[in-house]
PDB file of N, CA and C in Angstrom:
ATOM      1  N   MET A   1      14.197   8.412 -15.563  1.00  0.00           N
ATOM      2  CA  MET A   1      14.327   7.878 -14.234  1.00  0.00           C
ATOM      3  C   MET A   1      12.974   7.773 -13.527  1.00  0.00           C
ATOM      4  N   VAL A   2      12.118   8.780 -13.710  1.00  0.00           N
ATOM      5  CA  VAL A   2      10.811   8.765 -13.040  1.00  0.00           C
ATOM      6  C   VAL A   2       9.992   7.582 -13.556  1.00  0.00           C
ATOM      7  N   LYS A   3      10.030   7.312 -14.848  1.00  0.00           N
ATOM      8  CA  LYS A   3       9.266   6.192 -15.398  1.00  0.00           C
ATOM      9  C   LYS A   3       9.750   4.864 -14.822  1.00  0.00           C
ATOM     10  N   ILE A   4      11.040   4.703 -14.685  1.00  0.00           N
ATOM     11  CA  ILE A   4      11.591   3.469 -14.109  1.00  0.00           C
ATOM     12  C   ILE A   4      11.158   3.337 -12.665  1.00  0.00           C
ATOM     13  N   ARG A   5      11.287   4.427 -11.879  1.00  0.00           N
ATOM     14  CA  ARG A   5      10.892   4.386 -10.445  1.00  0.00           C
ATOM     15  C   ARG A   5       9.419   4.045 -10.321  1.00  0.00           C
ATOM     16  N   ASN A   6       8.568   4.679 -11.111  1.00  0.00           N
ATOM     17  CA  ASN A   6       7.122   4.367 -11.050  1.00  0.00           C
ATOM     18  C   ASN A   6       6.843   2.931 -11.420  1.00  0.00           C
ATOM     19  N   PHE A   7       7.563   2.408 -12.427  1.00  0.00           N
ATOM     20  CA  PHE A   7       7.376   1.037 -12.834  1.00  0.00           C
ATOM     21  C   PHE A   7       7.673   0.102 -11.673  1.00  0.00           C
ATOM     22  N   ILE A   8       8.758   0.366 -10.981  1.00  0.00           N
ATOM     23  CA  ILE A   8       9.149  -0.499  -9.864  1.00  0.00           C
ATOM     24  C   ILE A   8       8.134  -0.387  -8.739  1.00  0.00           C
ATOM     25  N   TYR A   9       7.791   0.840  -8.340  1.00  0.00           N
ATOM     26  CA  TYR A   9       6.858   1.033  -7.229  1.00  0.00           C
ATOM     27  C   TYR A   9       5.492   0.441  -7.551  1.00  0.00           C
ATOM     28  N   ASP A  10       5.036   0.543  -8.746  1.00  0.00           N
ATOM     29  CA  ASP A  10       3.726   0.011  -9.109  1.00  0.00           C
ATOM     30  C   ASP A  10       3.713  -1.541  -9.085  1.00  0.00           C
ATOM     31  N   ARG A  11       4.852  -2.154  -9.077  1.00  0.00           N
ATOM     32  CA  ARG A  11       4.898  -3.607  -9.120  1.00  0.00           C
ATOM     33  C   ARG A  11       5.497  -4.212  -7.836  1.00  0.00           C
ATOM     34  N   LEU A  12       5.564  -3.440  -6.774  1.00  0.00           N
ATOM     35  CA  LEU A  12       6.123  -3.954  -5.528  1.00  0.00           C
ATOM     36  C   LEU A  12       5.428  -5.219  -5.052  1.00  0.00           C
ATOM     37  N   SER A  13       4.127  -5.297  -5.245  1.00  0.00           N
ATOM     38  CA  SER A  13       3.404  -6.438  -4.705  1.00  0.00           C
ATOM     39  C   SER A  13       3.720  -7.742  -5.422  1.00  0.00           C
ATOM     40  N   ILE A  14       4.445  -7.705  -6.542  1.00  0.00           N
ATOM     41  CA  ILE A  14       4.755  -8.946  -7.225  1.00  0.00           C
ATOM     42  C   ILE A  14       6.241  -9.300  -7.113  1.00  0.00           C
ATOM     43  N   ILE A  15       7.000  -8.509  -6.352  1.00  0.00           N
ATOM     44  CA  ILE A  15       8.403  -8.876  -6.128  1.00  0.00           C
ATOM     45  C   ILE A  15       8.435 -10.068  -5.212  1.00  0.00           C
ATOM     46  N   PRO A  16       9.093 -11.158  -5.607  1.00  0.00           N
ATOM     47  CA  PRO A  16       9.124 -12.358  -4.772  1.00  0.00           C
ATOM     48  C   PRO A  16       9.811 -12.059  -3.412  1.00  0.00           C
ATOM     49  N   SER A  17       9.220 -12.529  -2.354  1.00  0.00           N
ATOM     50  CA  SER A  17       9.756 -12.374  -1.017  1.00  0.00           C
ATOM     51  C   SER A  17       9.528 -13.731  -0.310  1.00  0.00           C
ATOM     52  N   PRO A  18      10.486 -14.146   0.444  1.00  0.00           N
ATOM     53  CA  PRO A  18      10.321 -15.443   1.112  1.00  0.00           C
ATOM     54  C   PRO A  18       9.220 -15.454   2.162  1.00  0.00           C
ATOM     55  N   SER A  19       8.908 -14.305   2.755  1.00  0.00           N
ATOM     56  CA  SER A  19       7.920 -14.340   3.839  1.00  0.00           C
ATOM     57  C   SER A  19       6.862 -13.239   3.817  1.00  0.00           C
ATOM     58  N   VAL A  20       7.108 -12.131   3.143  1.00  0.00           N
ATOM     59  CA  VAL A  20       6.181 -10.996   3.230  1.00  0.00           C
ATOM     60  C   VAL A  20       5.694 -10.619   1.822  1.00  0.00           C
ATOM     61  N   PHE A  21       4.352 -10.526   1.687  1.00  0.00           N
ATOM     62  CA  PHE A  21       3.746 -10.091   0.444  1.00  0.00           C
ATOM     63  C   PHE A  21       3.511  -8.578   0.581  1.00  0.00           C
ATOM     64  N   LEU A  22       4.167  -7.797  -0.273  1.00  0.00           N
ATOM     65  CA  LEU A  22       4.099  -6.349  -0.213  1.00  0.00           C
ATOM     66  C   LEU A  22       3.015  -5.818  -1.106  1.00  0.00           C
ATOM     67  N   ILE A  23       2.206  -4.903  -0.594  1.00  0.00           N
ATOM     68  CA  ILE A  23       1.154  -4.262  -1.355  1.00  0.00           C
ATOM     69  C   ILE A  23       1.322  -2.750  -1.223  1.00  0.00           C
ATOM     70  N   LYS A  24       1.571  -2.119  -2.346  1.00  0.00           N
ATOM     71  CA  LYS A  24       1.675  -0.628  -2.319  1.00  0.00           C
ATOM     72  C   LYS A  24       0.270  -0.055  -2.338  1.00  0.00           C
ATOM     73  N   ALA A  25      -0.153   0.452  -1.193  1.00  0.00           N
ATOM     74  CA  ALA A  25      -1.533   0.941  -1.079  1.00  0.00           C
ATOM     75  C   ALA A  25      -1.633   2.397  -1.555  1.00  0.00           C
ATOM     76  N   SER A  26      -0.569   3.175  -1.366  1.00  0.00           N
ATOM     77  CA  SER A  26      -0.635   4.595  -1.752  1.00  0.00           C
ATOM     78  C   SER A  26       0.776   5.148  -1.926  1.00  0.00           C
ATOM     79  N   THR A  27       0.853   6.307  -2.536  1.00  0.00           N
ATOM     80  CA  THR A  27       2.096   7.039  -2.660  1.00  0.00           C
ATOM     81  C   THR A  27       1.794   8.539  -2.520  1.00  0.00           C
ATOM     82  N   GLY A  28       2.792   9.305  -2.218  1.00  0.00           N
ATOM     83  CA  GLY A  28       2.610  10.729  -2.093  1.00  0.00           C
ATOM     84  C   GLY A  28       2.134  11.121  -0.693  1.00  0.00           C
ATOM     85  N   CYS A  29       1.923  12.423  -0.499  1.00  0.00           N
ATOM     86  CA  CYS A  29       1.536  12.915   0.804  1.00  0.00           C
ATOM     87  C   CYS A  29       0.454  13.984   0.678  1.00  0.00           C
ATOM     88  N   LEU A  30      -0.034  14.431   1.803  1.00  0.00           N
ATOM     89  CA  LEU A  30      -1.139  15.409   1.859  1.00  0.00           C
ATOM     90  C   LEU A  30      -0.670  16.872   1.871  1.00  0.00           C
ATOM     91  N   ASP A  31       0.555  17.100   1.505  1.00  0.00           N
ATOM     92  CA  ASP A  31       1.119  18.448   1.482  1.00  0.00           C
ATOM     93  C   ASP A  31       1.464  18.985   2.879  1.00  0.00           C
ATOM     94  N   ASN A  32       1.572  18.104   3.831  1.00  0.00           N
ATOM     95  CA  ASN A  32       2.008  18.546   5.147  1.00  0.00           C
ATOM     96  C   ASN A  32       3.142  17.662   5.641  1.00  0.00           C
ATOM     97  N   CYS A  33       3.964  17.175   4.732  1.00  0.00           N
ATOM     98  CA  CYS A  33       5.099  16.349   5.078  1.00  0.00           C
ATOM     99  C   CYS A  33       6.143  17.177   5.834  1.00  0.00           C
ATOM    100  N   ILE A  34       6.906  16.490   6.669  1.00  0.00           N
ATOM    101  CA  ILE A  34       7.959  17.125   7.398  1.00  0.00           C
ATOM    102  C   ILE A  34       9.006  17.666   6.469  1.00  0.00           C
ATOM    103  N   TYR A  35       9.344  16.881   5.480  1.00  0.00           N
ATOM    104  CA  TYR A  35      10.404  17.251   4.525  1.00  0.00           C
ATOM    105  C   TYR A  35       9.803  17.571   3.152  1.00  0.00           C
ATOM    106  N   PHE A  36      10.085  18.733   2.653  1.00  0.00           N
ATOM    107  CA  PHE A  36       9.571  19.137   1.358  1.00  0.00           C
ATOM    108  C   PHE A  36      10.021  18.180   0.266  1.00  0.00           C
ATOM    109  N   SER A  37      11.182  17.555   0.452  1.00  0.00           N
ATOM    110  CA  SER A  37      11.717  16.644  -0.588  1.00  0.00           C
ATOM    111  C   SER A  37      10.785  15.455  -0.814  1.00  0.00           C
ATOM    112  N   VAL A  38      10.081  15.012   0.225  1.00  0.00           N
ATOM    113  CA  VAL A  38       9.142  13.892   0.053  1.00  0.00           C
ATOM    114  C   VAL A  38       8.012  14.302  -0.884  1.00  0.00           C
ATOM    115  N   ARG A  39       7.457  15.441  -0.617  1.00  0.00           N
ATOM    116  CA  ARG A  39       6.358  15.968  -1.468  1.00  0.00           C
ATOM    117  C   ARG A  39       6.843  16.127  -2.900  1.00  0.00           C
ATOM    118  N   LYS A  40       8.038  16.715  -3.033  1.00  0.00           N
ATOM    119  CA  LYS A  40       8.566  16.973  -4.374  1.00  0.00           C
ATOM    120  C   LYS A  40       8.850  15.667  -5.131  1.00  0.00           C
ATOM    121  N   SER A  41       9.387  14.677  -4.451  1.00  0.00           N
ATOM    122  CA  SER A  41       9.745  13.432  -5.134  1.00  0.00           C
ATOM    123  C   SER A  41       8.557  12.499  -5.349  1.00  0.00           C
ATOM    124  N   ARG A  42       7.584  12.505  -4.453  1.00  0.00           N
ATOM    125  CA  ARG A  42       6.489  11.555  -4.545  1.00  0.00           C
ATOM    126  C   ARG A  42       5.165  12.171  -5.000  1.00  0.00           C
ATOM    127  N   GLY A  43       5.038  13.455  -4.893  1.00  0.00           N
ATOM    128  CA  GLY A  43       3.805  14.151  -5.361  1.00  0.00           C
ATOM    129  C   GLY A  43       2.699  14.074  -4.325  1.00  0.00           C
ATOM    130  N   THR A  44       1.489  14.447  -4.772  1.00  0.00           N
ATOM    131  CA  THR A  44       0.342  14.442  -3.902  1.00  0.00           C
ATOM    132  C   THR A  44      -0.103  13.012  -3.622  1.00  0.00           C
ATOM    133  N   LEU A  45      -0.933  12.858  -2.628  1.00  0.00           N
ATOM    134  CA  LEU A  45      -1.432  11.549  -2.225  1.00  0.00           C
ATOM    135  C   LEU A  45      -2.196  10.912  -3.368  1.00  0.00           C
ATOM    136  N   HIS A  46      -1.900   9.660  -3.646  1.00  0.00           N
ATOM    137  CA  HIS A  46      -2.637   8.855  -4.634  1.00  0.00           C
ATOM    138  C   HIS A  46      -2.800   7.444  -4.079  1.00  0.00           C
ATOM    139  N   SER A  47      -4.020   7.110  -3.704  1.00  0.00           N
ATOM    140  CA  SER A  47      -4.339   5.843  -3.115  1.00  0.00           C
ATOM    141  C   SER A  47      -4.968   4.892  -4.115  1.00  0.00           C
ATOM    142  N   LYS A  48      -4.609   3.614  -4.017  1.00  0.00           N
ATOM    143  CA  LYS A  48      -5.346   2.607  -4.807  1.00  0.00           C
ATOM    144  C   LYS A  48      -6.741   2.445  -4.201  1.00  0.00           C
ATOM    145  N   SER A  49      -7.667   1.948  -4.994  1.00  0.00           N
ATOM    146  CA  SER A  49      -8.993   1.706  -4.437  1.00  0.00           C
ATOM    147  C   SER A  49      -8.930   0.579  -3.437  1.00  0.00           C
ATOM    148  N   ILE A  50      -9.875   0.550  -2.522  1.00  0.00           N
ATOM    149  CA  ILE A  50      -9.938  -0.541  -1.554  1.00  0.00           C
ATOM    150  C   ILE A  50     -10.093  -1.861  -2.289  1.00  0.00           C
ATOM    151  N   GLU A  51     -10.913  -1.875  -3.330  1.00  0.00           N
ATOM    152  CA  GLU A  51     -11.094  -3.106  -4.092  1.00  0.00           C
ATOM    153  C   GLU A  51      -9.804  -3.632  -4.704  1.00  0.00           C
ATOM    154  N   GLN A  52      -8.981  -2.727  -5.199  1.00  0.00           N
ATOM    155  CA  GLN A  52      -7.710  -3.128  -5.800  1.00  0.00           C
ATOM    156  C   GLN A  52      -6.758  -3.700  -4.732  1.00  0.00           C
ATOM    157  N   VAL A  53      -6.677  -3.077  -3.592  1.00  0.00           N
ATOM    158  CA  VAL A  53      -5.809  -3.564  -2.498  1.00  0.00           C
ATOM    159  C   VAL A  53      -6.321  -4.905  -2.022  1.00  0.00           C
ATOM    160  N   VAL A  54      -7.621  -5.039  -1.824  1.00  0.00           N
ATOM    161  CA  VAL A  54      -8.204  -6.314  -1.403  1.00  0.00           C
ATOM    162  C   VAL A  54      -7.917  -7.411  -2.424  1.00  0.00           C
ATOM    163  N   SER A  55      -7.987  -7.107  -3.670  1.00  0.00           N
ATOM    164  CA  SER A  55      -7.712  -8.085  -4.734  1.00  0.00           C
ATOM    165  C   SER A  55      -6.260  -8.532  -4.642  1.00  0.00           C
ATOM    166  N   GLU A  56      -5.326  -7.617  -4.447  1.00  0.00           N
ATOM    167  CA  GLU A  56      -3.895  -7.996  -4.314  1.00  0.00           C
ATOM    168  C   GLU A  56      -3.677  -8.819  -3.045  1.00  0.00           C
ATOM    169  N   PHE A  57      -4.375  -8.464  -1.981  1.00  0.00           N
ATOM    170  CA  PHE A  57      -4.323  -9.216  -0.727  1.00  0.00           C
ATOM    171  C   PHE A  57      -4.772 -10.652  -0.925  1.00  0.00           C
ATOM    172  N   ARG A  58      -5.932 -10.818  -1.585  1.00  0.00           N
ATOM    173  CA  ARG A  58      -6.451 -12.184  -1.853  1.00  0.00           C
ATOM    174  C   ARG A  58      -5.479 -12.969  -2.709  1.00  0.00           C
ATOM    175  N   ASN A  59      -4.860 -12.296  -3.661  1.00  0.00           N
ATOM    176  CA  ASN A  59      -3.848 -12.969  -4.505  1.00  0.00           C
ATOM    177  C   ASN A  59      -2.703 -13.497  -3.647  1.00  0.00           C
ATOM    178  N   GLY A  60      -2.243 -12.689  -2.723  1.00  0.00           N
ATOM    179  CA  GLY A  60      -1.198 -13.124  -1.801  1.00  0.00           C
ATOM    180  C   GLY A  60      -1.616 -14.315  -0.965  1.00  0.00           C
ATOM    181  N   LEU A  61      -2.854 -14.275  -0.446  1.00  0.00           N
ATOM    182  CA  LEU A  61      -3.391 -15.385   0.322  1.00  0.00           C
ATOM    183  C   LEU A  61      -3.399 -16.677  -0.511  1.00  0.00           C
ATOM    184  N   LYS A  62      -3.842 -16.553  -1.738  1.00  0.00           N
ATOM    185  CA  LYS A  62      -3.903 -17.719  -2.651  1.00  0.00           C
ATOM    186  C   LYS A  62      -2.518 -18.288  -2.886  1.00  0.00           C
ATOM    187  N   GLN A  63      -1.506 -17.419  -2.893  1.00  0.00           N
ATOM    188  CA  GLN A  63      -0.122 -17.886  -3.090  1.00  0.00           C
ATOM    189  C   GLN A  63       0.500 -18.465  -1.839  1.00  0.00           C
ATOM    190  N   GLY A  64      -0.245 -18.421  -0.728  1.00  0.00           N
ATOM    191  CA  GLY A  64       0.228 -19.012   0.506  1.00  0.00           C
ATOM    192  C   GLY A  64       0.923 -18.051   1.479  1.00  0.00           C
ATOM    193  N   TYR A  65       0.913 -16.772   1.182  1.00  0.00           N
ATOM    194  CA  TYR A  65       1.531 -15.812   2.080  1.00  0.00           C
ATOM    195  C   TYR A  65       0.663 -15.654   3.329  1.00  0.00           C
ATOM    196  N   ARG A  66       1.323 -15.387   4.454  1.00  0.00           N
ATOM    197  CA  ARG A  66       0.651 -15.170   5.739  1.00  0.00           C
ATOM    198  C   ARG A  66       1.047 -13.833   6.380  1.00  0.00           C
ATOM    199  N   TYR A  67       2.066 -13.230   5.809  1.00  0.00           N
ATOM    200  CA  TYR A  67       2.548 -11.929   6.285  1.00  0.00           C
ATOM    201  C   TYR A  67       2.432 -10.939   5.158  1.00  0.00           C
ATOM    202  N   PHE A  68       1.767  -9.814   5.423  1.00  0.00           N
ATOM    203  CA  PHE A  68       1.532  -8.795   4.416  1.00  0.00           C
ATOM    204  C   PHE A  68       2.022  -7.454   4.900  1.00  0.00           C
ATOM    205  N   GLY A  69       2.615  -6.681   3.983  1.00  0.00           N
ATOM    206  CA  GLY A  69       3.050  -5.348   4.295  1.00  0.00           C
ATOM    207  C   GLY A  69       2.309  -4.341   3.424  1.00  0.00           C
ATOM    208  N   LEU A  70       1.553  -3.454   4.048  1.00  0.00           N
ATOM    209  CA  LEU A  70       0.900  -2.359   3.309  1.00  0.00           C
ATOM    210  C   LEU A  70       1.872  -1.193   3.265  1.00  0.00           C
ATOM    211  N   LEU A  71       2.208  -0.776   2.079  1.00  0.00           N
ATOM    212  CA  LEU A  71       3.213   0.270   1.897  1.00  0.00           C
ATOM    213  C   LEU A  71       2.584   1.571   1.414  1.00  0.00           C
ATOM    214  N   GLY A  72       3.169   2.662   1.815  1.00  0.00           N
ATOM    215  CA  GLY A  72       2.762   3.979   1.363  1.00  0.00           C
ATOM    216  C   GLY A  72       3.786   5.001   1.826  1.00  0.00           C
ATOM    217  N   THR A  73       3.893   6.122   1.073  1.00  0.00           N
ATOM    218  CA  THR A  73       4.764   7.189   1.517  1.00  0.00           C
ATOM    219  C   THR A  73       4.337   7.641   2.880  1.00  0.00           C
ATOM    220  N   ASP A  74       3.029   7.797   3.085  1.00  0.00           N
ATOM    221  CA  ASP A  74       2.423   8.070   4.386  1.00  0.00           C
ATOM    222  C   ASP A  74       1.220   7.176   4.499  1.00  0.00           C
ATOM    223  N   VAL A  75       1.459   5.916   4.856  1.00  0.00           N
ATOM    224  CA  VAL A  75       0.407   4.909   4.832  1.00  0.00           C
ATOM    225  C   VAL A  75      -0.771   5.303   5.758  1.00  0.00           C
ATOM    226  N   GLY A  76      -0.522   6.087   6.765  1.00  0.00           N
ATOM    227  CA  GLY A  76      -1.582   6.546   7.655  1.00  0.00           C
ATOM    228  C   GLY A  76      -2.570   7.471   6.959  1.00  0.00           C
ATOM    229  N   ALA A  77      -2.165   8.087   5.876  1.00  0.00           N
ATOM    230  CA  ALA A  77      -3.024   8.976   5.120  1.00  0.00           C
ATOM    231  C   ALA A  77      -3.819   8.230   4.041  1.00  0.00           C
ATOM    232  N   TYR A  78      -3.622   6.903   3.961  1.00  0.00           N
ATOM    233  CA  TYR A  78      -4.277   6.095   2.909  1.00  0.00           C
ATOM    234  C   TYR A  78      -5.740   6.497   2.789  1.00  0.00           C
ATOM    235  N   GLY A  79      -6.175   6.662   1.557  1.00  0.00           N
ATOM    236  CA  GLY A  79      -7.574   6.827   1.210  1.00  0.00           C
ATOM    237  C   GLY A  79      -8.181   8.216   1.347  1.00  0.00           C
ATOM    238  N   ARG A  80      -7.502   9.110   1.968  1.00  0.00           N
ATOM    239  CA  ARG A  80      -8.073  10.423   2.182  1.00  0.00           C
ATOM    240  C   ARG A  80      -8.298  11.188   0.870  1.00  0.00           C
ATOM    241  N   ASP A  81      -7.616  10.760  -0.187  1.00  0.00           N
ATOM    242  CA  ASP A  81      -7.848  11.351  -1.497  1.00  0.00           C
ATOM    243  C   ASP A  81      -8.982  10.733  -2.263  1.00  0.00           C
ATOM    244  N   ILE A  82      -9.493   9.601  -1.782  1.00  0.00           N
ATOM    245  CA  ILE A  82     -10.589   8.913  -2.469  1.00  0.00           C
ATOM    246  C   ILE A  82     -11.810   8.704  -1.598  1.00  0.00           C
ATOM    247  N   GLY A  83     -11.884   9.471  -0.491  1.00  0.00           N
ATOM    248  CA  GLY A  83     -13.068   9.395   0.362  1.00  0.00           C
ATOM    249  C   GLY A  83     -13.070   8.256   1.365  1.00  0.00           C
ATOM    250  N   HIS A  84     -11.942   7.686   1.655  1.00  0.00           N
ATOM    251  CA  HIS A  84     -11.821   6.592   2.614  1.00  0.00           C
ATOM    252  C   HIS A  84     -10.689   6.890   3.584  1.00  0.00           C
ATOM    253  N   ASN A  85     -10.363   5.943   4.420  1.00  0.00           N
ATOM    254  CA  ASN A  85      -9.225   6.049   5.311  1.00  0.00           C
ATOM    255  C   ASN A  85      -8.635   4.713   5.592  1.00  0.00           C
ATOM    256  N   LEU A  86      -7.551   4.664   6.342  1.00  0.00           N
ATOM    257  CA  LEU A  86      -6.888   3.381   6.597  1.00  0.00           C
ATOM    258  C   LEU A  86      -7.766   2.402   7.377  1.00  0.00           C
ATOM    259  N   VAL A  87      -8.605   2.890   8.245  1.00  0.00           N
ATOM    260  CA  VAL A  87      -9.540   2.025   8.981  1.00  0.00           C
ATOM    261  C   VAL A  87     -10.471   1.308   8.014  1.00  0.00           C
ATOM    262  N   ASP A  88     -10.990   2.035   7.050  1.00  0.00           N
ATOM    263  CA  ASP A  88     -11.881   1.424   6.028  1.00  0.00           C
ATOM    264  C   ASP A  88     -11.142   0.285   5.310  1.00  0.00           C
ATOM    265  N   LEU A  89      -9.902   0.529   4.948  1.00  0.00           N
ATOM    266  CA  LEU A  89      -9.121  -0.489   4.246  1.00  0.00           C
ATOM    267  C   LEU A  89      -8.885  -1.717   5.133  1.00  0.00           C
ATOM    268  N   LEU A  90      -8.436  -1.481   6.351  1.00  0.00           N
ATOM    269  CA  LEU A  90      -8.139  -2.590   7.257  1.00  0.00           C
ATOM    270  C   LEU A  90      -9.410  -3.365   7.588  1.00  0.00           C
ATOM    271  N   THR A  91     -10.529  -2.680   7.693  1.00  0.00           N
ATOM    272  CA  THR A  91     -11.810  -3.361   7.950  1.00  0.00           C
ATOM    273  C   THR A  91     -12.129  -4.346   6.833  1.00  0.00           C
ATOM    274  N   GLU A  92     -11.926  -3.909   5.590  1.00  0.00           N
ATOM    275  CA  GLU A  92     -12.197  -4.794   4.438  1.00  0.00           C
ATOM    276  C   GLU A  92     -11.194  -5.951   4.381  1.00  0.00           C
ATOM    277  N   LEU A  93      -9.931  -5.675   4.637  1.00  0.00           N
ATOM    278  CA  LEU A  93      -8.919  -6.725   4.549  1.00  0.00           C
ATOM    279  C   LEU A  93      -9.144  -7.796   5.616  1.00  0.00           C
ATOM    280  N   THR A  94      -9.503  -7.364   6.812  1.00  0.00           N
ATOM    281  CA  THR A  94      -9.669  -8.354   7.898  1.00  0.00           C
ATOM    282  C   THR A  94     -10.959  -9.139   7.814  1.00  0.00           C
ATOM    283  N   LYS A  95     -11.788  -8.868   6.821  1.00  0.00           N
ATOM    284  CA  LYS A  95     -12.963  -9.708   6.562  1.00  0.00           C
ATOM    285  C   LYS A  95     -12.580 -11.039   5.941  1.00  0.00           C
ATOM    286  N   GLU A  96     -11.363 -11.061   5.372  1.00  0.00           N
ATOM    287  CA  GLU A  96     -10.875 -12.300   4.737  1.00  0.00           C
ATOM    288  C   GLU A  96     -10.545 -13.326   5.833  1.00  0.00           C
ATOM    289  N   LYS A  97     -10.987 -14.541   5.634  1.00  0.00           N
ATOM    290  CA  LYS A  97     -10.695 -15.611   6.587  1.00  0.00           C
ATOM    291  C   LYS A  97      -9.257 -16.069   6.386  1.00  0.00           C
ATOM    292  N   GLY A  98      -8.677 -16.572   7.495  1.00  0.00           N
ATOM    293  CA  GLY A  98      -7.341 -17.130   7.380  1.00  0.00           C
ATOM    294  C   GLY A  98      -6.470 -16.686   8.519  1.00  0.00           C
ATOM    295  N   ASP A  99      -5.280 -17.262   8.560  1.00  0.00           N
ATOM    296  CA  ASP A  99      -4.283 -16.957   9.580  1.00  0.00           C
ATOM    297  C   ASP A  99      -3.222 -16.086   8.942  1.00  0.00           C
ATOM    298  N   TYR A 100      -3.298 -14.778   9.171  1.00  0.00           N
ATOM    299  CA  TYR A 100      -2.333 -13.847   8.549  1.00  0.00           C
ATOM    300  C   TYR A 100      -2.109 -12.656   9.432  1.00  0.00           C
ATOM    301  N   LYS A 101      -1.066 -11.928   9.133  1.00  0.00           N
ATOM    302  CA  LYS A 101      -0.746 -10.693   9.855  1.00  0.00           C
ATOM    303  C   LYS A 101      -0.515  -9.609   8.826  1.00  0.00           C
ATOM    304  N   ILE A 102      -0.942  -8.361   9.169  1.00  0.00           N
ATOM    305  CA  ILE A 102      -0.762  -7.223   8.276  1.00  0.00           C
ATOM    306  C   ILE A 102       0.068  -6.179   8.993  1.00  0.00           C
ATOM    307  N   GLY A 103       1.142  -5.751   8.338  1.00  0.00           N
ATOM    308  CA  GLY A 103       1.963  -4.689   8.862  1.00  0.00           C
ATOM    309  C   GLY A 103       1.864  -3.451   8.014  1.00  0.00           C
ATOM    310  N   LEU A 104       2.153  -2.286   8.584  1.00  0.00           N
ATOM    311  CA  LEU A 104       2.118  -1.018   7.899  1.00  0.00           C
ATOM    312  C   LEU A 104       3.490  -0.455   7.804  1.00  0.00           C
ATOM    313  N   ARG A 105       3.882   0.028   6.626  1.00  0.00           N
ATOM    314  CA  ARG A 105       5.182   0.618   6.457  1.00  0.00           C
ATOM    315  C   ARG A 105       5.173   1.841   5.601  1.00  0.00           C
ATOM    316  N   ASN A 106       5.799   2.884   6.072  1.00  0.00           N
ATOM    317  CA  ASN A 106       6.008   4.081   5.249  1.00  0.00           C
ATOM    318  C   ASN A 106       7.281   3.848   4.426  1.00  0.00           C
ATOM    319  N   VAL A 107       7.190   4.112   3.142  1.00  0.00           N
ATOM    320  CA  VAL A 107       8.370   3.940   2.279  1.00  0.00           C
ATOM    321  C   VAL A 107       8.563   5.164   1.451  1.00  0.00           C
TER     322      VAL A 107
END
């Protein structure tokens, strides 16, 4: 079951959506989650590199998407495990030219 769940979560950004391109930026938490079950089910924080997220974002732009959803168990904690933070990621993403919107979602 864990292998199947990880397979699906790792490929969220390629699930076809009529209007929103989903990018899983991170999973897990920093060990201070409200519910222990989140930590137990998702594990410690694991963020994709900024370069990897930017690459997926560019791919979505090339496909014509204008709405993007950055996903994470605790998306606000993005990057703290790799020496960055959410502001760093958003700074890099918004360097891309174009007419688009980026939303943040905890999943």
